[in-house]
Amino acid sequence: MTSVRALRMVEVETPPAFSEATPPELFERLRLVPVPVLFQRPPQGRGASRWIGVCPHARYTEIGEVVLDARLVETALWEPRADLIQAVYLHEVAHRLMPEGYGHGAAFGAMSLVLHLRAGKTNDFLMWHRITVYDFCDEGENVPRAFAWAWKISLELAPTERTAEECAALIVAEHTKWCTWLAGEEERQQARHEAARATTQAIEDRIKRLKESRWLWALGSLILGAGGAIRLLL
């Protein structure tokens, strides 16, 4: 018989602090089927990554669960805060709703915003205020435009009766269109520059023709005037 210890996930009673942060009416507002949670303690020691929530690839989970730091719902280090627990959970759920490959970008930010907007207030705290630049960090210098796009689409979707899953599908479709539009921005900018140059050239040509016409009129007037003076002398 092997000496290797075999472990697997088993269902346990939901921690009271987590139950308080995620009541049934929250999921009614989110229009979301609850996503299971695995509570773990992050690795400690030098070189260990620090996290309070993780969304593993679905193929590496048992039932599509997300992972939260167990210390969020314990009182050993700090008093559990419902708004913090809920914010971390919604962040990881937004990851679970999006297809693999969507990191912290505009599409993910839009999905997270939809959930946080629907969540409303917790502990008198507007949950969407929990959204930070971190949610868009993969966008780099494009963060302002990414947030503007995500904010617009999330405001359109949050009040609807669409499920969270349906919202995710719509966000992915709209994000594809937005990326296509962004890809053609350089070409559109070049076209605008060319149109501006053409307009400027047309104005300059018009001014030149007007100047030429003015001198022709002046010369014509001079000739006519000279002719009149000669007739008077004769």
C-alpha atoms as a PDB file:
ATOM      1  CA  MET A   1       0.000   0.000   0.000  1.00  0.00           C
ATOM      2  CA  THR A   2       1.273   3.503  -0.840  1.00  0.00           C
ATOM      3  CA  SER A   3       2.373   5.878   1.888  1.00  0.00           C
ATOM      4  CA  VAL A   4       1.067   8.925  -0.046  1.00  0.00           C
ATOM      5  CA  ARG A   5      -1.808  10.709   1.681  1.00  0.00           C
ATOM      6  CA  ALA A   6      -4.806  11.262  -0.623  1.00  0.00           C
ATOM      7  CA  LEU A   7      -6.961  14.362  -0.133  1.00  0.00           C
ATOM      8  CA  ARG A   8     -10.069  15.715  -1.800  1.00  0.00           C
ATOM      9  CA  MET A   9     -12.541  18.508  -1.300  1.00  0.00           C
ATOM     10  CA  VAL A  10     -15.518  17.799   0.933  1.00  0.00           C
ATOM     11  CA  GLU A  11     -18.548  19.989   1.606  1.00  0.00           C
ATOM     12  CA  VAL A  12     -18.621  21.700   4.995  1.00  0.00           C
ATOM     13  CA  GLU A  13     -21.010  24.012   6.757  1.00  0.00           C
ATOM     14  CA  THR A  14     -20.858  27.529   5.318  1.00  0.00           C
ATOM     15  CA  PRO A  15     -18.944  29.884   7.651  1.00  0.00           C
ATOM     16  CA  PRO A  16     -21.382  32.285   9.375  1.00  0.00           C
ATOM     17  CA  ALA A  17     -19.479  35.361   8.186  1.00  0.00           C
ATOM     18  CA  PHE A  18     -19.759  34.214   4.572  1.00  0.00           C
ATOM     19  CA  SER A  19     -23.473  33.424   4.956  1.00  0.00           C
ATOM     20  CA  GLU A  20     -24.030  36.929   6.309  1.00  0.00           C
ATOM     21  CA  ALA A  21     -22.159  38.466   3.353  1.00  0.00           C
ATOM     22  CA  THR A  22     -23.988  36.404   0.714  1.00  0.00           C
ATOM     23  CA  PRO A  23     -27.664  36.085   1.714  1.00  0.00           C
ATOM     24  CA  PRO A  24     -30.192  34.539  -0.709  1.00  0.00           C
ATOM     25  CA  GLU A  25     -31.570  37.946  -1.692  1.00  0.00           C
ATOM     26  CA  LEU A  26     -28.101  38.931  -2.960  1.00  0.00           C
ATOM     27  CA  PHE A  27     -28.249  36.203  -5.602  1.00  0.00           C
ATOM     28  CA  GLU A  28     -31.766  37.307  -6.541  1.00  0.00           C
ATOM     29  CA  ARG A  29     -30.404  40.794  -7.242  1.00  0.00           C
ATOM     30  CA  LEU A  30     -27.406  39.365  -9.072  1.00  0.00           C
ATOM     31  CA  ARG A  31     -29.666  37.011 -11.057  1.00  0.00           C
ATOM     32  CA  LEU A  32     -26.967  34.425 -10.526  1.00  0.00           C
ATOM     33  CA  VAL A  33     -26.818  30.765  -9.537  1.00  0.00           C
ATOM     34  CA  PRO A  34     -24.482  30.695  -6.494  1.00  0.00           C
ATOM     35  CA  VAL A  35     -20.927  29.674  -7.326  1.00  0.00           C
ATOM     36  CA  PRO A  36     -19.396  27.221  -4.796  1.00  0.00           C
ATOM     37  CA  VAL A  37     -16.472  28.373  -2.657  1.00  0.00           C
ATOM     38  CA  LEU A  38     -13.402  26.531  -1.461  1.00  0.00           C
ATOM     39  CA  PHE A  39     -11.819  28.160   1.597  1.00  0.00           C
ATOM     40  CA  GLN A  40      -8.054  27.788   1.758  1.00  0.00           C
ATOM     41  CA  ARG A  41      -5.114  29.432   3.420  1.00  0.00           C
ATOM     42  CA  PRO A  42      -2.647  31.025   0.964  1.00  0.00           C
ATOM     43  CA  PRO A  43       0.904  29.610   0.961  1.00  0.00           C
ATOM     44  CA  GLN A  44       3.192  31.271   3.459  1.00  0.00           C
ATOM     45  CA  GLY A  45       6.885  31.985   3.385  1.00  0.00           C
ATOM     46  CA  ARG A  46       9.390  33.539   1.040  1.00  0.00           C
ATOM     47  CA  GLY A  47       8.369  33.597  -2.596  1.00  0.00           C
ATOM     48  CA  ALA A  48       4.756  32.690  -1.891  1.00  0.00           C
ATOM     49  CA  SER A  49       2.188  34.680  -3.865  1.00  0.00           C
ATOM     50  CA  ARG A  50      -0.223  36.767  -1.858  1.00  0.00           C
ATOM     51  CA  TRP A  51      -3.898  36.441  -2.658  1.00  0.00           C
ATOM     52  CA  ILE A  52      -7.265  36.632  -0.934  1.00  0.00           C
ATOM     53  CA  GLY A  53      -9.198  35.136  -3.818  1.00  0.00           C
ATOM     54  CA  VAL A  54      -8.443  32.918  -6.815  1.00  0.00           C
ATOM     55  CA  CYS A  55     -10.496  31.620  -9.733  1.00  0.00           C
ATOM     56  CA  PRO A  56      -8.764  28.467 -11.022  1.00  0.00           C
ATOM     57  CA  HIS A  57      -9.433  27.275 -14.551  1.00  0.00           C
ATOM     58  CA  ALA A  58     -12.692  25.331 -14.456  1.00  0.00           C
ATOM     59  CA  ARG A  59     -10.967  22.150 -15.658  1.00  0.00           C
ATOM     60  CA  TYR A  60      -8.843  22.208 -12.512  1.00  0.00           C
ATOM     61  CA  THR A  61     -11.835  22.367 -10.160  1.00  0.00           C
ATOM     62  CA  GLU A  62     -14.295  19.757  -8.968  1.00  0.00           C
ATOM     63  CA  ILE A  63     -17.549  21.674  -9.438  1.00  0.00           C
ATOM     64  CA  GLY A  64     -16.450  25.052 -10.803  1.00  0.00           C
ATOM     65  CA  GLU A  65     -15.664  26.499  -7.388  1.00  0.00           C
ATOM     66  CA  VAL A  66     -13.734  29.694  -6.702  1.00  0.00           C
ATOM     67  CA  VAL A  67     -11.198  29.931  -3.876  1.00  0.00           C
ATOM     68  CA  LEU A  68     -11.224  32.464  -1.037  1.00  0.00           C
ATOM     69  CA  ASP A  69      -8.711  33.036   1.734  1.00  0.00           C
ATOM     70  CA  ALA A  70     -10.142  31.302   4.816  1.00  0.00           C
ATOM     71  CA  ARG A  71      -8.942  34.194   6.964  1.00  0.00           C
ATOM     72  CA  LEU A  72     -11.593  36.432   5.364  1.00  0.00           C
ATOM     73  CA  VAL A  73     -14.282  34.624   7.343  1.00  0.00           C
ATOM     74  CA  GLU A  74     -12.348  34.016  10.563  1.00  0.00           C
ATOM     75  CA  THR A  75     -11.822  36.295  13.538  1.00  0.00           C
ATOM     76  CA  ALA A  76      -8.256  35.247  14.292  1.00  0.00           C
ATOM     77  CA  LEU A  77      -6.603  38.259  12.608  1.00  0.00           C
ATOM     78  CA  TRP A  78      -9.476  40.670  12.037  1.00  0.00           C
ATOM     79  CA  GLU A  79     -13.214  40.918  12.400  1.00  0.00           C
ATOM     80  CA  PRO A  80     -14.831  39.635   9.188  1.00  0.00           C
ATOM     81  CA  ARG A  81     -16.332  42.418   7.049  1.00  0.00           C
ATOM     82  CA  ALA A  82     -19.339  41.528   4.927  1.00  0.00           C
ATOM     83  CA  ASP A  83     -18.535  44.123   2.250  1.00  0.00           C
ATOM     84  CA  LEU A  84     -14.943  42.845   1.837  1.00  0.00           C
ATOM     85  CA  ILE A  85     -16.020  39.196   1.736  1.00  0.00           C
ATOM     86  CA  GLN A  86     -18.709  40.000  -0.810  1.00  0.00           C
ATOM     87  CA  ALA A  87     -16.360  42.096  -2.962  1.00  0.00           C
ATOM     88  CA  VAL A  88     -13.721  39.337  -3.157  1.00  0.00           C
ATOM     89  CA  TYR A  89     -16.393  36.732  -3.928  1.00  0.00           C
ATOM     90  CA  LEU A  90     -17.980  38.862  -6.676  1.00  0.00           C
ATOM     91  CA  HIS A  91     -14.562  39.526  -8.206  1.00  0.00           C
ATOM     92  CA  GLU A  92     -13.815  35.803  -8.461  1.00  0.00           C
ATOM     93  CA  VAL A  93     -17.343  35.012  -9.667  1.00  0.00           C
ATOM     94  CA  ALA A  94     -16.873  37.561 -12.461  1.00  0.00           C
ATOM     95  CA  HIS A  95     -13.776  35.598 -13.496  1.00  0.00           C
ATOM     96  CA  ARG A  96     -15.761  32.354 -13.444  1.00  0.00           C
ATOM     97  CA  LEU A  97     -18.488  33.850 -15.666  1.00  0.00           C
ATOM     98  CA  MET A  98     -16.030  35.015 -18.310  1.00  0.00           C
ATOM     99  CA  PRO A  99     -14.461  32.604 -20.810  1.00  0.00           C
ATOM    100  CA  GLU A 100     -10.886  31.528 -20.156  1.00  0.00           C
ATOM    101  CA  GLY A 101      -8.330  33.988 -21.451  1.00  0.00           C
ATOM    102  CA  TYR A 102     -10.068  37.105 -20.172  1.00  0.00           C
ATOM    103  CA  GLY A 103      -7.835  38.525 -17.467  1.00  0.00           C
ATOM    104  CA  HIS A 104      -8.203  41.921 -15.838  1.00  0.00           C
ATOM    105  CA  GLY A 105      -9.355  43.877 -18.869  1.00  0.00           C
ATOM    106  CA  ALA A 106     -12.342  45.801 -20.163  1.00  0.00           C
ATOM    107  CA  ALA A 107     -14.618  42.773 -20.566  1.00  0.00           C
ATOM    108  CA  PHE A 108     -13.859  41.408 -17.110  1.00  0.00           C
ATOM    109  CA  GLY A 109     -14.236  44.888 -15.626  1.00  0.00           C
ATOM    110  CA  ALA A 110     -17.666  45.235 -17.234  1.00  0.00           C
ATOM    111  CA  MET A 111     -18.797  41.879 -15.816  1.00  0.00           C
ATOM    112  CA  SER A 112     -17.496  42.741 -12.377  1.00  0.00           C
ATOM    113  CA  LEU A 113     -19.223  46.118 -12.531  1.00  0.00           C
ATOM    114  CA  VAL A 114     -22.545  44.498 -13.458  1.00  0.00           C
ATOM    115  CA  LEU A 115     -22.335  42.258 -10.390  1.00  0.00           C
ATOM    116  CA  HIS A 116     -21.218  45.017  -8.033  1.00  0.00           C
ATOM    117  CA  LEU A 117     -23.879  47.416  -9.319  1.00  0.00           C
ATOM    118  CA  ARG A 118     -26.571  44.779  -8.829  1.00  0.00           C
ATOM    119  CA  ALA A 119     -25.264  43.996  -5.347  1.00  0.00           C
ATOM    120  CA  GLY A 120     -26.183  47.497  -4.229  1.00  0.00           C
ATOM    121  CA  LYS A 121     -25.120  48.390  -0.698  1.00  0.00           C
ATOM    122  CA  THR A 122     -23.501  46.272   1.999  1.00  0.00           C
ATOM    123  CA  ASN A 123     -22.715  47.833   5.380  1.00  0.00           C
ATOM    124  CA  ASP A 124     -23.904  51.140   3.850  1.00  0.00           C
ATOM    125  CA  PHE A 125     -21.109  50.769   1.306  1.00  0.00           C
ATOM    126  CA  LEU A 126     -21.877  50.976  -2.414  1.00  0.00           C
ATOM    127  CA  MET A 127     -20.325  47.792  -3.679  1.00  0.00           C
ATOM    128  CA  TRP A 128     -19.312  49.166  -7.073  1.00  0.00           C
ATOM    129  CA  HIS A 129     -16.921  51.464  -5.209  1.00  0.00           C
ATOM    130  CA  ARG A 130     -14.861  48.312  -4.640  1.00  0.00           C
ATOM    131  CA  ILE A 131     -13.907  48.295  -8.315  1.00  0.00           C
ATOM    132  CA  THR A 132     -10.309  49.482  -8.713  1.00  0.00           C
ATOM    133  CA  VAL A 133      -7.674  49.976 -11.410  1.00  0.00           C
ATOM    134  CA  TYR A 134      -6.548  46.424 -10.618  1.00  0.00           C
ATOM    135  CA  ASP A 135      -9.695  45.144 -12.338  1.00  0.00           C
ATOM    136  CA  PHE A 136      -8.423  46.768 -15.569  1.00  0.00           C
ATOM    137  CA  CYS A 137      -4.660  46.418 -15.101  1.00  0.00           C
ATOM    138  CA  ASP A 138      -4.159  44.292 -18.231  1.00  0.00           C
ATOM    139  CA  GLU A 139      -5.245  47.258 -20.360  1.00  0.00           C
ATOM    140  CA  GLY A 140      -2.082  49.238 -19.621  1.00  0.00           C
ATOM    141  CA  GLU A 141      -2.292  52.762 -21.018  1.00  0.00           C
ATOM    142  CA  ASN A 142      -5.772  51.992 -22.348  1.00  0.00           C
ATOM    143  CA  VAL A 143      -7.272  51.812 -18.813  1.00  0.00           C
ATOM    144  CA  PRO A 144      -9.264  55.101 -19.055  1.00  0.00           C
ATOM    145  CA  ARG A 145     -11.003  54.075 -22.278  1.00  0.00           C
ATOM    146  CA  ALA A 146     -11.451  50.514 -21.046  1.00  0.00           C
ATOM    147  CA  PHE A 147     -13.168  51.730 -17.896  1.00  0.00           C
ATOM    148  CA  ALA A 148     -15.345  54.156 -19.863  1.00  0.00           C
ATOM    149  CA  TRP A 149     -16.480  51.332 -22.163  1.00  0.00           C
ATOM    150  CA  ALA A 150     -17.058  48.932 -19.259  1.00  0.00           C
ATOM    151  CA  TRP A 151     -18.967  51.560 -17.266  1.00  0.00           C
ATOM    152  CA  LYS A 152     -21.261  52.312 -20.194  1.00  0.00           C
ATOM    153  CA  ILE A 153     -22.154  48.694 -20.938  1.00  0.00           C
ATOM    154  CA  SER A 154     -22.510  47.771 -17.256  1.00  0.00           C
ATOM    155  CA  LEU A 155     -24.981  50.609 -16.711  1.00  0.00           C
ATOM    156  CA  GLU A 156     -27.000  49.257 -19.642  1.00  0.00           C
ATOM    157  CA  LEU A 157     -26.987  45.635 -18.424  1.00  0.00           C
ATOM    158  CA  ALA A 158     -27.205  45.922 -14.639  1.00  0.00           C
ATOM    159  CA  PRO A 159     -30.878  47.083 -14.512  1.00  0.00           C
ATOM    160  CA  THR A 160     -32.076  44.416 -16.969  1.00  0.00           C
ATOM    161  CA  GLU A 161     -33.659  41.070 -16.118  1.00  0.00           C
ATOM    162  CA  ARG A 162     -30.894  39.190 -17.935  1.00  0.00           C
ATOM    163  CA  THR A 163     -29.102  36.572 -15.888  1.00  0.00           C
ATOM    164  CA  ALA A 164     -25.459  37.094 -14.998  1.00  0.00           C
ATOM    165  CA  GLU A 165     -24.546  34.380 -17.510  1.00  0.00           C
ATOM    166  CA  GLU A 166     -26.490  36.150 -20.274  1.00  0.00           C
ATOM    167  CA  CYS A 167     -24.781  39.414 -19.389  1.00  0.00           C
ATOM    168  CA  ALA A 168     -21.396  37.709 -19.677  1.00  0.00           C
ATOM    169  CA  ALA A 169     -22.224  36.450 -23.173  1.00  0.00           C
ATOM    170  CA  LEU A 170     -23.365  39.917 -24.281  1.00  0.00           C
ATOM    171  CA  ILE A 171     -20.272  41.536 -22.823  1.00  0.00           C
ATOM    172  CA  VAL A 172     -18.016  39.129 -24.721  1.00  0.00           C
ATOM    173  CA  ALA A 173     -19.855  39.896 -27.982  1.00  0.00           C
ATOM    174  CA  GLU A 174     -19.711  43.667 -27.444  1.00  0.00           C
ATOM    175  CA  HIS A 175     -16.080  43.486 -26.380  1.00  0.00           C
ATOM    176  CA  THR A 176     -15.203  41.755 -29.649  1.00  0.00           C
ATOM    177  CA  LYS A 177     -16.841  44.598 -31.579  1.00  0.00           C
ATOM    178  CA  TRP A 178     -15.054  47.187 -29.446  1.00  0.00           C
ATOM    179  CA  CYS A 179     -11.664  45.535 -30.026  1.00  0.00           C
ATOM    180  CA  THR A 180     -12.330  45.504 -33.766  1.00  0.00           C
ATOM    181  CA  TRP A 181     -13.180  49.199 -33.609  1.00  0.00           C
ATOM    182  CA  LEU A 182      -9.981  49.911 -31.660  1.00  0.00           C
ATOM    183  CA  ALA A 183      -7.916  47.957 -34.194  1.00  0.00           C
ATOM    184  CA  GLY A 184      -9.117  50.276 -36.958  1.00  0.00           C
ATOM    185  CA  GLU A 185      -8.417  53.444 -35.010  1.00  0.00           C
ATOM    186  CA  GLU A 186      -5.034  54.137 -36.651  1.00  0.00           C
ATOM    187  CA  GLU A 187      -6.592  53.811 -40.086  1.00  0.00           C
ATOM    188  CA  ARG A 188      -9.443  56.142 -39.109  1.00  0.00           C
ATOM    189  CA  GLN A 189      -6.985  58.645 -37.692  1.00  0.00           C
ATOM    190  CA  GLN A 190      -4.967  58.554 -40.904  1.00  0.00           C
ATOM    191  CA  ALA A 191      -8.147  59.106 -42.919  1.00  0.00           C
ATOM    192  CA  ARG A 192      -9.012  62.103 -40.731  1.00  0.00           C
ATOM    193  CA  HIS A 193      -5.538  63.565 -41.251  1.00  0.00           C
ATOM    194  CA  GLU A 194      -5.815  63.115 -45.017  1.00  0.00           C
ATOM    195  CA  ALA A 195      -9.270  64.693 -45.046  1.00  0.00           C
ATOM    196  CA  ALA A 196      -7.947  67.615 -42.994  1.00  0.00           C
ATOM    197  CA  ARG A 197      -5.018  68.066 -45.382  1.00  0.00           C
ATOM    198  CA  ALA A 198      -7.386  67.946 -48.375  1.00  0.00           C
ATOM    199  CA  THR A 199      -9.632  70.562 -46.762  1.00  0.00           C
ATOM    200  CA  THR A 200      -6.660  72.800 -45.976  1.00  0.00           C
ATOM    201  CA  GLN A 201      -5.361  72.471 -49.540  1.00  0.00           C
ATOM    202  CA  ALA A 202      -8.790  73.309 -50.957  1.00  0.00           C
ATOM    203  CA  ILE A 203      -8.949  76.447 -48.804  1.00  0.00           C
ATOM    204  CA  GLU A 204      -5.457  77.496 -49.866  1.00  0.00           C
ATOM    205  CA  ASP A 205      -6.332  76.938 -53.532  1.00  0.00           C
ATOM    206  CA  ARG A 206      -9.489  78.994 -53.123  1.00  0.00           C
ATOM    207  CA  ILE A 207      -7.568  81.839 -51.524  1.00  0.00           C
ATOM    208  CA  LYS A 208      -5.017  81.706 -54.339  1.00  0.00           C
ATOM    209  CA  ARG A 209      -7.744  81.890 -56.974  1.00  0.00           C
ATOM    210  CA  LEU A 210      -9.370  84.797 -55.168  1.00  0.00           C
ATOM    211  CA  LYS A 211      -6.068  86.645 -55.085  1.00  0.00           C
ATOM    212  CA  GLU A 212      -5.530  85.993 -58.793  1.00  0.00           C
ATOM    213  CA  SER A 213      -9.065  87.174 -59.535  1.00  0.00           C
ATOM    214  CA  ARG A 214      -8.485  90.337 -57.519  1.00  0.00           C
ATOM    215  CA  TRP A 215      -5.401  91.224 -59.516  1.00  0.00           C
ATOM    216  CA  LEU A 216      -7.221  90.514 -62.781  1.00  0.00           C
ATOM    217  CA  TRP A 217     -10.084  92.797 -61.725  1.00  0.00           C
ATOM    218  CA  ALA A 218      -7.610  95.431 -60.694  1.00  0.00           C
ATOM    219  CA  LEU A 219      -5.821  95.208 -64.059  1.00  0.00           C
ATOM    220  CA  GLY A 220      -9.105  95.326 -65.926  1.00  0.00           C
ATOM    221  CA  SER A 221     -10.179  98.376 -63.975  1.00  0.00           C
ATOM    222  CA  LEU A 222      -6.854 100.049 -64.712  1.00  0.00           C
ATOM    223  CA  ILE A 223      -7.223  99.411 -68.455  1.00  0.00           C
ATOM    224  CA  LEU A 224     -10.781 100.676 -68.480  1.00  0.00           C
ATOM    225  CA  GLY A 225      -9.785 103.728 -66.520  1.00  0.00           C
ATOM    226  CA  ALA A 226      -6.886 104.460 -68.843  1.00  0.00           C
ATOM    227  CA  GLY A 227      -9.160 104.050 -71.848  1.00  0.00           C
ATOM    228  CA  GLY A 228     -11.622 106.517 -70.397  1.00  0.00           C
ATOM    229  CA  ALA A 229      -8.911 109.069 -69.698  1.00  0.00           C
ATOM    230  CA  ILE A 230      -7.621 108.791 -73.283  1.00  0.00           C
ATOM    231  CA  ARG A 231     -11.106 109.368 -74.690  1.00  0.00           C
ATOM    232  CA  LEU A 232     -11.451 112.507 -72.563  1.00  0.00           C
ATOM    233  CA  LEU A 233      -8.153 113.832 -73.844  1.00  0.00           C
ATOM    234  CA  LEU A 234      -9.194 113.207 -77.415  1.00  0.00           C
END
